[in-house]
Amino acid sequence: MLAANEAMVERYYELAYEPNKTKIMALKVKLMKSILIRAHEKGTSDDTYRICDICGDIMDQGYCVDNGMEYYCSEKCRRTVMTDEEWYELSDGDNSDSYWTHWY
């Protein structure tokens, strides 16, 4: 599993208990393989990238919301779930759990 994306792992286990779990699990396995292949091609390891919750792209920089509960690769993706004003309120202050960063 992707050690760097605990939220995705939690969602993976949640989906395992849905009624259509066989189909859903097959799709999740396909997604996980695709993510690992793209990360390898990009030259990153599983602890140096995240996955955008909106577009599914691999990120080595971007928005981290609520200490990793959500990730967005760009303003465009972030704006699908929150306005700029909401982001500024959420990320205000030095000790905020929501921020923009690079993962190395």
PDB file of N, CA and C in Angstrom:
ATOM      1  N   MET A   1       0.833  -1.191   0.000  1.00  0.00           N
ATOM      2  CA  MET A   1       0.000   0.000   0.000  1.00  0.00           C
ATOM      3  C   MET A   1       0.872   1.247   0.000  1.00  0.00           C
ATOM      4  N   LEU A   2       0.273   2.375  -0.233  1.00  0.00           N
ATOM      5  CA  LEU A   2       0.997   3.637  -0.261  1.00  0.00           C
ATOM      6  C   LEU A   2       1.092   4.202   1.146  1.00  0.00           C
ATOM      7  N   ALA A   3       2.274   4.086   1.713  1.00  0.00           N
ATOM      8  CA  ALA A   3       2.459   4.529   3.092  1.00  0.00           C
ATOM      9  C   ALA A   3       2.176   6.011   3.253  1.00  0.00           C
ATOM     10  N   ALA A   4       2.424   6.786   2.217  1.00  0.00           N
ATOM     11  CA  ALA A   4       2.278   8.238   2.317  1.00  0.00           C
ATOM     12  C   ALA A   4       0.841   8.709   2.211  1.00  0.00           C
ATOM     13  N   ASN A   5      -0.067   7.867   1.848  1.00  0.00           N
ATOM     14  CA  ASN A   5      -1.436   8.317   1.655  1.00  0.00           C
ATOM     15  C   ASN A   5      -2.395   7.499   2.511  1.00  0.00           C
ATOM     16  N   GLU A   6      -2.376   7.754   3.819  1.00  0.00           N
ATOM     17  CA  GLU A   6      -3.198   6.997   4.747  1.00  0.00           C
ATOM     18  C   GLU A   6      -4.687   7.159   4.472  1.00  0.00           C
ATOM     19  N   ALA A   7      -5.100   8.335   4.033  1.00  0.00           N
ATOM     20  CA  ALA A   7      -6.520   8.562   3.738  1.00  0.00           C
ATOM     21  C   ALA A   7      -6.979   7.648   2.612  1.00  0.00           C
ATOM     22  N   MET A   8      -6.122   7.456   1.605  1.00  0.00           N
ATOM     23  CA  MET A   8      -6.491   6.585   0.496  1.00  0.00           C
ATOM     24  C   MET A   8      -6.608   5.143   0.979  1.00  0.00           C
ATOM     25  N   VAL A   9      -5.710   4.720   1.856  1.00  0.00           N
ATOM     26  CA  VAL A   9      -5.761   3.366   2.393  1.00  0.00           C
ATOM     27  C   VAL A   9      -7.057   3.163   3.174  1.00  0.00           C
ATOM     28  N   GLU A  10      -7.444   4.163   3.964  1.00  0.00           N
ATOM     29  CA  GLU A  10      -8.699   4.059   4.712  1.00  0.00           C
ATOM     30  C   GLU A  10      -9.888   3.923   3.769  1.00  0.00           C
ATOM     31  N   ARG A  11      -9.900   4.726   2.695  1.00  0.00           N
ATOM     32  CA  ARG A  11     -10.988   4.621   1.712  1.00  0.00           C
ATOM     33  C   ARG A  11     -11.003   3.249   1.059  1.00  0.00           C
ATOM     34  N   TYR A  12      -9.843   2.707   0.808  1.00  0.00           N
ATOM     35  CA  TYR A  12      -9.720   1.380   0.204  1.00  0.00           C
ATOM     36  C   TYR A  12     -10.432   0.351   1.070  1.00  0.00           C
ATOM     37  N   TYR A  13     -10.186   0.381   2.384  1.00  0.00           N
ATOM     38  CA  TYR A  13     -10.830  -0.565   3.288  1.00  0.00           C
ATOM     39  C   TYR A  13     -12.333  -0.307   3.411  1.00  0.00           C
ATOM     40  N   GLU A  14     -12.735   0.966   3.396  1.00  0.00           N
ATOM     41  CA  GLU A  14     -14.167   1.279   3.443  1.00  0.00           C
ATOM     42  C   GLU A  14     -14.892   0.698   2.240  1.00  0.00           C
ATOM     43  N   LEU A  15     -14.292   0.835   1.072  1.00  0.00           N
ATOM     44  CA  LEU A  15     -14.917   0.321  -0.147  1.00  0.00           C
ATOM     45  C   LEU A  15     -15.034  -1.208  -0.133  1.00  0.00           C
ATOM     46  N   ALA A  16     -14.160  -1.863   0.593  1.00  0.00           N
ATOM     47  CA  ALA A  16     -14.182  -3.323   0.641  1.00  0.00           C
ATOM     48  C   ALA A  16     -15.471  -3.854   1.261  1.00  0.00           C
ATOM     49  N   TYR A  17     -16.173  -3.033   2.019  1.00  0.00           N
ATOM     50  CA  TYR A  17     -17.387  -3.478   2.685  1.00  0.00           C
ATOM     51  C   TYR A  17     -18.668  -3.043   1.982  1.00  0.00           C
ATOM     52  N   GLU A  18     -18.540  -2.422   0.828  1.00  0.00           N
ATOM     53  CA  GLU A  18     -19.739  -2.032   0.084  1.00  0.00           C
ATOM     54  C   GLU A  18     -20.331  -3.248  -0.630  1.00  0.00           C
ATOM     55  N   PRO A  19     -21.631  -3.221  -0.938  1.00  0.00           N
ATOM     56  CA  PRO A  19     -22.314  -4.373  -1.532  1.00  0.00           C
ATOM     57  C   PRO A  19     -21.669  -4.890  -2.828  1.00  0.00           C
ATOM     58  N   ASN A  20     -21.187  -4.001  -3.649  1.00  0.00           N
ATOM     59  CA  ASN A  20     -20.608  -4.401  -4.929  1.00  0.00           C
ATOM     60  C   ASN A  20     -19.098  -4.560  -4.811  1.00  0.00           C
ATOM     61  N   LYS A  21     -18.622  -5.102  -3.705  1.00  0.00           N
ATOM     62  CA  LYS A  21     -17.204  -5.029  -3.385  1.00  0.00           C
ATOM     63  C   LYS A  21     -16.293  -5.713  -4.406  1.00  0.00           C
ATOM     64  N   THR A  22     -16.710  -6.752  -5.052  1.00  0.00           N
ATOM     65  CA  THR A  22     -15.832  -7.431  -6.005  1.00  0.00           C
ATOM     66  C   THR A  22     -15.460  -6.501  -7.152  1.00  0.00           C
ATOM     67  N   LYS A  23     -16.449  -5.858  -7.710  1.00  0.00           N
ATOM     68  CA  LYS A  23     -16.211  -4.920  -8.811  1.00  0.00           C
ATOM     69  C   LYS A  23     -15.399  -3.713  -8.336  1.00  0.00           C
ATOM     70  N   ILE A  24     -15.758  -3.178  -7.196  1.00  0.00           N
ATOM     71  CA  ILE A  24     -15.073  -2.013  -6.650  1.00  0.00           C
ATOM     72  C   ILE A  24     -13.623  -2.349  -6.321  1.00  0.00           C
ATOM     73  N   MET A  25     -13.398  -3.496  -5.697  1.00  0.00           N
ATOM     74  CA  MET A  25     -12.036  -3.881  -5.339  1.00  0.00           C
ATOM     75  C   MET A  25     -11.175  -4.069  -6.587  1.00  0.00           C
ATOM     76  N   ALA A  26     -11.730  -4.639  -7.633  1.00  0.00           N
ATOM     77  CA  ALA A  26     -10.975  -4.812  -8.874  1.00  0.00           C
ATOM     78  C   ALA A  26     -10.565  -3.450  -9.442  1.00  0.00           C
ATOM     79  N   LEU A  27     -11.478  -2.481  -9.383  1.00  0.00           N
ATOM     80  CA  LEU A  27     -11.155  -1.135  -9.852  1.00  0.00           C
ATOM     81  C   LEU A  27     -10.086  -0.476  -8.976  1.00  0.00           C
ATOM     82  N   LYS A  28     -10.171  -0.674  -7.672  1.00  0.00           N
ATOM     83  CA  LYS A  28      -9.178  -0.089  -6.767  1.00  0.00           C
ATOM     84  C   LYS A  28      -7.795  -0.702  -7.010  1.00  0.00           C
ATOM     85  N   VAL A  29      -7.731  -2.000  -7.217  1.00  0.00           N
ATOM     86  CA  VAL A  29      -6.446  -2.648  -7.492  1.00  0.00           C
ATOM     87  C   VAL A  29      -5.859  -2.096  -8.783  1.00  0.00           C
ATOM     88  N   LYS A  30      -6.701  -1.933  -9.794  1.00  0.00           N
ATOM     89  CA  LYS A  30      -6.245  -1.362 -11.063  1.00  0.00           C
ATOM     90  C   LYS A  30      -5.725   0.062 -10.860  1.00  0.00           C
ATOM     91  N   LEU A  31      -6.434   0.847 -10.071  1.00  0.00           N
ATOM     92  CA  LEU A  31      -6.013   2.215  -9.774  1.00  0.00           C
ATOM     93  C   LEU A  31      -4.680   2.234  -9.035  1.00  0.00           C
ATOM     94  N   MET A  32      -4.537   1.386  -8.023  1.00  0.00           N
ATOM     95  CA  MET A  32      -3.306   1.349  -7.246  1.00  0.00           C
ATOM     96  C   MET A  32      -2.116   0.975  -8.133  1.00  0.00           C
ATOM     97  N   LYS A  33      -2.289  -0.001  -9.022  1.00  0.00           N
ATOM     98  CA  LYS A  33      -1.211  -0.384  -9.932  1.00  0.00           C
ATOM     99  C   LYS A  33      -0.843   0.776 -10.844  1.00  0.00           C
ATOM    100  N   SER A  34      -1.847   1.460 -11.356  1.00  0.00           N
ATOM    101  CA  SER A  34      -1.620   2.600 -12.238  1.00  0.00           C
ATOM    102  C   SER A  34      -0.845   3.696 -11.515  1.00  0.00           C
ATOM    103  N   ILE A  35      -1.211   3.962 -10.278  1.00  0.00           N
ATOM    104  CA  ILE A  35      -0.545   4.989  -9.484  1.00  0.00           C
ATOM    105  C   ILE A  35       0.915   4.633  -9.257  1.00  0.00           C
ATOM    106  N   LEU A  36       1.166   3.379  -8.921  1.00  0.00           N
ATOM    107  CA  LEU A  36       2.545   2.958  -8.673  1.00  0.00           C
ATOM    108  C   LEU A  36       3.388   3.024  -9.944  1.00  0.00           C
ATOM    109  N   ILE A  37       2.804   2.667 -11.069  1.00  0.00           N
ATOM    110  CA  ILE A  37       3.524   2.745 -12.340  1.00  0.00           C
ATOM    111  C   ILE A  37       3.857   4.196 -12.675  1.00  0.00           C
ATOM    112  N   ARG A  38       2.863   5.094 -12.538  1.00  0.00           N
ATOM    113  CA  ARG A  38       3.116   6.511 -12.823  1.00  0.00           C
ATOM    114  C   ARG A  38       4.163   7.096 -11.886  1.00  0.00           C
ATOM    115  N   ALA A  39       4.126   6.698 -10.627  1.00  0.00           N
ATOM    116  CA  ALA A  39       5.108   7.200  -9.665  1.00  0.00           C
ATOM    117  C   ALA A  39       6.505   6.717 -10.037  1.00  0.00           C
ATOM    118  N   HIS A  40       6.599   5.464 -10.432  1.00  0.00           N
ATOM    119  CA  HIS A  40       7.897   4.918 -10.836  1.00  0.00           C
ATOM    120  C   HIS A  40       8.433   5.652 -12.061  1.00  0.00           C
ATOM    121  N   GLU A  41       7.558   5.901 -13.026  1.00  0.00           N
ATOM    122  CA  GLU A  41       7.962   6.620 -14.229  1.00  0.00           C
ATOM    123  C   GLU A  41       8.395   8.043 -13.900  1.00  0.00           C
ATOM    124  N   LYS A  42       7.770   8.627 -12.893  1.00  0.00           N
ATOM    125  CA  LYS A  42       8.102   9.987 -12.490  1.00  0.00           C
ATOM    126  C   LYS A  42       9.354  10.030 -11.615  1.00  0.00           C
ATOM    127  N   GLY A  43       9.795   8.859 -11.147  1.00  0.00           N
ATOM    128  CA  GLY A  43      10.996   8.778 -10.337  1.00  0.00           C
ATOM    129  C   GLY A  43      10.783   9.102  -8.880  1.00  0.00           C
ATOM    130  N   THR A  44       9.573   8.870  -8.374  1.00  0.00           N
ATOM    131  CA  THR A  44       9.291   9.149  -6.962  1.00  0.00           C
ATOM    132  C   THR A  44       9.047   7.850  -6.223  1.00  0.00           C
ATOM    133  N   SER A  45       9.237   7.898  -4.922  1.00  0.00           N
ATOM    134  CA  SER A  45       8.908   6.740  -4.091  1.00  0.00           C
ATOM    135  C   SER A  45       7.580   7.032  -3.397  1.00  0.00           C
ATOM    136  N   ASP A  46       7.004   6.021  -2.766  1.00  0.00           N
ATOM    137  CA  ASP A  46       5.662   6.196  -2.195  1.00  0.00           C
ATOM    138  C   ASP A  46       5.616   7.152  -1.011  1.00  0.00           C
ATOM    139  N   ASP A  47       6.763   7.552  -0.459  1.00  0.00           N
ATOM    140  CA  ASP A  47       6.712   8.504   0.644  1.00  0.00           C
ATOM    141  C   ASP A  47       7.037   9.926   0.201  1.00  0.00           C
ATOM    142  N   THR A  48       7.207  10.147  -1.098  1.00  0.00           N
ATOM    143  CA  THR A  48       7.521  11.493  -1.572  1.00  0.00           C
ATOM    144  C   THR A  48       6.450  12.052  -2.488  1.00  0.00           C
ATOM    145  N   TYR A  49       5.306  11.424  -2.554  1.00  0.00           N
ATOM    146  CA  TYR A  49       4.231  11.965  -3.361  1.00  0.00           C
ATOM    147  C   TYR A  49       2.890  11.698  -2.714  1.00  0.00           C
ATOM    148  N   ARG A  50       1.902  12.425  -3.184  1.00  0.00           N
ATOM    149  CA  ARG A  50       0.526  12.236  -2.749  1.00  0.00           C
ATOM    150  C   ARG A  50      -0.326  12.114  -4.003  1.00  0.00           C
ATOM    151  N   ILE A  51      -1.604  11.843  -3.828  1.00  0.00           N
ATOM    152  CA  ILE A  51      -2.512  11.687  -4.960  1.00  0.00           C
ATOM    153  C   ILE A  51      -3.652  12.675  -4.804  1.00  0.00           C
ATOM    154  N   CYS A  52      -3.899  13.447  -5.849  1.00  0.00           N
ATOM    155  CA  CYS A  52      -4.954  14.449  -5.817  1.00  0.00           C
ATOM    156  C   CYS A  52      -6.316  13.768  -5.659  1.00  0.00           C
ATOM    157  N   ASP A  53      -7.095  14.248  -4.707  1.00  0.00           N
ATOM    158  CA  ASP A  53      -8.419  13.673  -4.459  1.00  0.00           C
ATOM    159  C   ASP A  53      -9.419  13.974  -5.564  1.00  0.00           C
ATOM    160  N   ILE A  54      -9.141  14.949  -6.402  1.00  0.00           N
ATOM    161  CA  ILE A  54     -10.080  15.320  -7.453  1.00  0.00           C
ATOM    162  C   ILE A  54      -9.742  14.648  -8.778  1.00  0.00           C
ATOM    163  N   CYS A  55      -8.515  14.833  -9.265  1.00  0.00           N
ATOM    164  CA  CYS A  55      -8.169  14.314 -10.593  1.00  0.00           C
ATOM    165  C   CYS A  55      -7.368  13.018 -10.556  1.00  0.00           C
ATOM    166  N   GLY A  56      -6.878  12.624  -9.372  1.00  0.00           N
ATOM    167  CA  GLY A  56      -6.127  11.385  -9.248  1.00  0.00           C
ATOM    168  C   GLY A  56      -4.684  11.468  -9.713  1.00  0.00           C
ATOM    169  N   ASP A  57      -4.214  12.673 -10.013  1.00  0.00           N
ATOM    170  CA  ASP A  57      -2.847  12.833 -10.487  1.00  0.00           C
ATOM    171  C   ASP A  57      -1.859  12.668  -9.337  1.00  0.00           C
ATOM    172  N   ILE A  58      -0.657  12.214  -9.667  1.00  0.00           N
ATOM    173  CA  ILE A  58       0.404  12.097  -8.676  1.00  0.00           C
ATOM    174  C   ILE A  58       0.959  13.480  -8.407  1.00  0.00           C
ATOM    175  N   MET A  59       1.160  13.798  -7.128  1.00  0.00           N
ATOM    176  CA  MET A  59       1.619  15.131  -6.725  1.00  0.00           C
ATOM    177  C   MET A  59       2.942  15.011  -5.987  1.00  0.00           C
ATOM    178  N   ASP A  60       3.870  15.904  -6.290  1.00  0.00           N
ATOM    179  CA  ASP A  60       5.036  16.060  -5.434  1.00  0.00           C
ATOM    180  C   ASP A  60       5.012  17.443  -4.803  1.00  0.00           C
ATOM    181  N   GLN A  61       3.952  18.184  -5.107  1.00  0.00           N
ATOM    182  CA  GLN A  61       3.673  19.478  -4.479  1.00  0.00           C
ATOM    183  C   GLN A  61       2.177  19.728  -4.584  1.00  0.00           C
ATOM    184  N   GLY A  62       1.649  20.522  -3.675  1.00  0.00           N
ATOM    185  CA  GLY A  62       0.231  20.842  -3.745  1.00  0.00           C
ATOM    186  C   GLY A  62      -0.358  21.191  -2.392  1.00  0.00           C
ATOM    187  N   TYR A  63      -1.674  21.128  -2.327  1.00  0.00           N
ATOM    188  CA  TYR A  63      -2.425  21.500  -1.134  1.00  0.00           C
ATOM    189  C   TYR A  63      -2.668  20.276  -0.259  1.00  0.00           C
ATOM    190  N   CYS A  64      -2.369  20.423   1.017  1.00  0.00           N
ATOM    191  CA  CYS A  64      -2.658  19.397   2.019  1.00  0.00           C
ATOM    192  C   CYS A  64      -3.703  20.004   2.956  1.00  0.00           C
ATOM    193  N   VAL A  65      -4.844  19.349   3.095  1.00  0.00           N
ATOM    194  CA  VAL A  65      -5.940  19.869   3.910  1.00  0.00           C
ATOM    195  C   VAL A  65      -6.138  18.969   5.126  1.00  0.00           C
ATOM    196  N   ASP A  66      -6.269  19.604   6.275  1.00  0.00           N
ATOM    197  CA  ASP A  66      -6.556  18.910   7.534  1.00  0.00           C
ATOM    198  C   ASP A  66      -5.566  17.773   7.794  1.00  0.00           C
ATOM    199  N   ASN A  67      -4.283  18.114   7.710  1.00  0.00           N
ATOM    200  CA  ASN A  67      -3.204  17.169   8.008  1.00  0.00           C
ATOM    201  C   ASN A  67      -3.254  15.903   7.149  1.00  0.00           C
ATOM    202  N   GLY A  68      -3.636  16.049   5.895  1.00  0.00           N
ATOM    203  CA  GLY A  68      -3.604  14.923   4.973  1.00  0.00           C
ATOM    204  C   GLY A  68      -4.922  14.215   4.735  1.00  0.00           C
ATOM    205  N   MET A  69      -5.998  14.771   5.229  1.00  0.00           N
ATOM    206  CA  MET A  69      -7.299  14.142   4.961  1.00  0.00           C
ATOM    207  C   MET A  69      -7.718  14.357   3.514  1.00  0.00           C
ATOM    208  N   GLU A  70      -7.237  15.436   2.901  1.00  0.00           N
ATOM    209  CA  GLU A  70      -7.533  15.732   1.500  1.00  0.00           C
ATOM    210  C   GLU A  70      -6.274  16.300   0.857  1.00  0.00           C
ATOM    211  N   TYR A  71      -6.095  15.996  -0.440  1.00  0.00           N
ATOM    212  CA  TYR A  71      -4.976  16.539  -1.213  1.00  0.00           C
ATOM    213  C   TYR A  71      -5.487  17.068  -2.543  1.00  0.00           C
ATOM    214  N   TYR A  72      -4.956  18.230  -2.959  1.00  0.00           N
ATOM    215  CA  TYR A  72      -5.316  18.823  -4.243  1.00  0.00           C
ATOM    216  C   TYR A  72      -4.044  19.262  -4.943  1.00  0.00           C
ATOM    217  N   CYS A  73      -3.930  18.935  -6.221  1.00  0.00           N
ATOM    218  CA  CYS A  73      -2.701  19.227  -6.963  1.00  0.00           C
ATOM    219  C   CYS A  73      -2.631  20.661  -7.473  1.00  0.00           C
ATOM    220  N   SER A  74      -3.764  21.312  -7.594  1.00  0.00           N
ATOM    221  CA  SER A  74      -3.786  22.649  -8.200  1.00  0.00           C
ATOM    222  C   SER A  74      -4.930  23.480  -7.619  1.00  0.00           C
ATOM    223  N   GLU A  75      -4.885  24.767  -7.932  1.00  0.00           N
ATOM    224  CA  GLU A  75      -5.995  25.630  -7.523  1.00  0.00           C
ATOM    225  C   GLU A  75      -7.290  25.162  -8.170  1.00  0.00           C
ATOM    226  N   LYS A  76      -7.207  24.739  -9.415  1.00  0.00           N
ATOM    227  CA  LYS A  76      -8.399  24.279 -10.136  1.00  0.00           C
ATOM    228  C   LYS A  76      -9.064  23.127  -9.380  1.00  0.00           C
ATOM    229  N   CYS A  77      -8.276  22.135  -8.960  1.00  0.00           N
ATOM    230  CA  CYS A  77      -8.853  21.008  -8.225  1.00  0.00           C
ATOM    231  C   CYS A  77      -9.366  21.444  -6.853  1.00  0.00           C
ATOM    232  N   ARG A  78      -8.585  22.271  -6.139  1.00  0.00           N
ATOM    233  CA  ARG A  78      -9.015  22.736  -4.818  1.00  0.00           C
ATOM    234  C   ARG A  78     -10.310  23.527  -4.901  1.00  0.00           C
ATOM    235  N   ARG A  79     -10.427  24.333  -5.953  1.00  0.00           N
ATOM    236  CA  ARG A  79     -11.627  25.177  -6.086  1.00  0.00           C
ATOM    237  C   ARG A  79     -12.893  24.380  -6.389  1.00  0.00           C
ATOM    238  N   THR A  80     -12.773  23.105  -6.723  1.00  0.00           N
ATOM    239  CA  THR A  80     -13.976  22.291  -6.923  1.00  0.00           C
ATOM    240  C   THR A  80     -14.660  21.968  -5.604  1.00  0.00           C
ATOM    241  N   VAL A  81     -13.922  22.094  -4.489  1.00  0.00           N
ATOM    242  CA  VAL A  81     -14.501  21.772  -3.180  1.00  0.00           C
ATOM    243  C   VAL A  81     -14.543  22.942  -2.212  1.00  0.00           C
ATOM    244  N   MET A  82     -13.757  24.003  -2.486  1.00  0.00           N
ATOM    245  CA  MET A  82     -13.774  25.158  -1.584  1.00  0.00           C
ATOM    246  C   MET A  82     -13.366  26.423  -2.327  1.00  0.00           C
ATOM    247  N   THR A  83     -13.900  27.519  -1.877  1.00  0.00           N
ATOM    248  CA  THR A  83     -13.558  28.812  -2.472  1.00  0.00           C
ATOM    249  C   THR A  83     -12.183  29.259  -1.964  1.00  0.00           C
ATOM    250  N   ASP A  84     -11.644  30.294  -2.605  1.00  0.00           N
ATOM    251  CA  ASP A  84     -10.376  30.853  -2.140  1.00  0.00           C
ATOM    252  C   ASP A  84     -10.518  31.382  -0.715  1.00  0.00           C
ATOM    253  N   GLU A  85     -11.648  32.005  -0.411  1.00  0.00           N
ATOM    254  CA  GLU A  85     -11.874  32.539   0.931  1.00  0.00           C
ATOM    255  C   GLU A  85     -11.885  31.418   1.975  1.00  0.00           C
ATOM    256  N   GLU A  86     -12.549  30.307   1.650  1.00  0.00           N
ATOM    257  CA  GLU A  86     -12.574  29.170   2.571  1.00  0.00           C
ATOM    258  C   GLU A  86     -11.162  28.624   2.789  1.00  0.00           C
ATOM    259  N   TRP A  87     -10.379  28.552   1.695  1.00  0.00           N
ATOM    260  CA  TRP A  87      -9.006  28.074   1.811  1.00  0.00           C
ATOM    261  C   TRP A  87      -8.183  28.998   2.712  1.00  0.00           C
ATOM    262  N   TYR A  88      -8.316  30.322   2.507  1.00  0.00           N
ATOM    263  CA  TYR A  88      -7.549  31.273   3.311  1.00  0.00           C
ATOM    264  C   TYR A  88      -7.903  31.160   4.792  1.00  0.00           C
ATOM    265  N   GLU A  89      -9.169  30.962   5.099  1.00  0.00           N
ATOM    266  CA  GLU A  89      -9.578  30.786   6.490  1.00  0.00           C
ATOM    267  C   GLU A  89      -9.009  29.495   7.069  1.00  0.00           C
ATOM    268  N   LEU A  90      -9.069  28.429   6.280  1.00  0.00           N
ATOM    269  CA  LEU A  90      -8.595  27.119   6.723  1.00  0.00           C
ATOM    270  C   LEU A  90      -7.083  27.094   6.922  1.00  0.00           C
ATOM    271  N   SER A  91      -6.353  27.789   6.059  1.00  0.00           N
ATOM    272  CA  SER A  91      -4.888  27.731   6.101  1.00  0.00           C
ATOM    273  C   SER A  91      -4.263  28.917   6.836  1.00  0.00           C
ATOM    274  N   ASP A  92      -5.076  29.703   7.488  1.00  0.00           N
ATOM    275  CA  ASP A  92      -4.585  30.901   8.176  1.00  0.00           C
ATOM    276  C   ASP A  92      -3.815  30.523   9.437  1.00  0.00           C
ATOM    277  N   GLY A  93      -2.663  31.114   9.601  1.00  0.00           N
ATOM    278  CA  GLY A  93      -1.875  30.915  10.821  1.00  0.00           C
ATOM    279  C   GLY A  93      -0.710  29.960  10.626  1.00  0.00           C
ATOM    280  N   ASP A  94       0.305  30.130  11.458  1.00  0.00           N
ATOM    281  CA  ASP A  94       1.511  29.309  11.365  1.00  0.00           C
ATOM    282  C   ASP A  94       1.286  27.862  11.780  1.00  0.00           C
ATOM    283  N   ASN A  95       0.309  27.616  12.630  1.00  0.00           N
ATOM    284  CA  ASN A  95       0.082  26.266  13.143  1.00  0.00           C
ATOM    285  C   ASN A  95      -1.100  25.575  12.470  1.00  0.00           C
ATOM    286  N   SER A  96      -1.466  26.000  11.281  1.00  0.00           N
ATOM    287  CA  SER A  96      -2.602  25.415  10.581  1.00  0.00           C
ATOM    288  C   SER A  96      -2.264  24.011  10.081  1.00  0.00           C
ATOM    289  N   ASP A  97      -3.262  23.137  10.064  1.00  0.00           N
ATOM    290  CA  ASP A  97      -3.108  21.780   9.537  1.00  0.00           C
ATOM    291  C   ASP A  97      -3.404  21.720   8.050  1.00  0.00           C
ATOM    292  N   SER A  98      -3.632  22.873   7.422  1.00  0.00           N
ATOM    293  CA  SER A  98      -3.910  22.948   5.983  1.00  0.00           C
ATOM    294  C   SER A  98      -2.910  23.915   5.362  1.00  0.00           C
ATOM    295  N   TYR A  99      -2.225  23.460   4.327  1.00  0.00           N
ATOM    296  CA  TYR A  99      -1.135  24.249   3.761  1.00  0.00           C
ATOM    297  C   TYR A  99      -0.795  23.766   2.348  1.00  0.00           C
ATOM    298  N   TRP A 100       0.005  24.547   1.640  1.00  0.00           N
ATOM    299  CA  TRP A 100       0.560  24.172   0.339  1.00  0.00           C
ATOM    300  C   TRP A 100       2.019  23.819   0.583  1.00  0.00           C
ATOM    301  N   THR A 101       2.506  22.739  -0.045  1.00  0.00           N
ATOM    302  CA  THR A 101       3.874  22.310   0.222  1.00  0.00           C
ATOM    303  C   THR A 101       4.461  21.496  -0.931  1.00  0.00           C
ATOM    304  N   HIS A 102       5.746  21.190  -0.811  1.00  0.00           N
ATOM    305  CA  HIS A 102       6.457  20.230  -1.669  1.00  0.00           C
ATOM    306  C   HIS A 102       6.728  18.999  -0.818  1.00  0.00           C
ATOM    307  N   TRP A 103       6.625  17.820  -1.403  1.00  0.00           N
ATOM    308  CA  TRP A 103       7.040  16.603  -0.718  1.00  0.00           C
ATOM    309  C   TRP A 103       8.328  16.137  -1.367  1.00  0.00           C
ATOM    310  N   TYR A 104       9.348  15.886  -0.559  1.00  0.00           N
ATOM    311  CA  TYR A 104      10.646  15.465  -1.103  1.00  0.00           C
ATOM    312  C   TYR A 104      10.950  14.047  -0.712  1.00  0.00           C
TER     313      TYR A 104
END
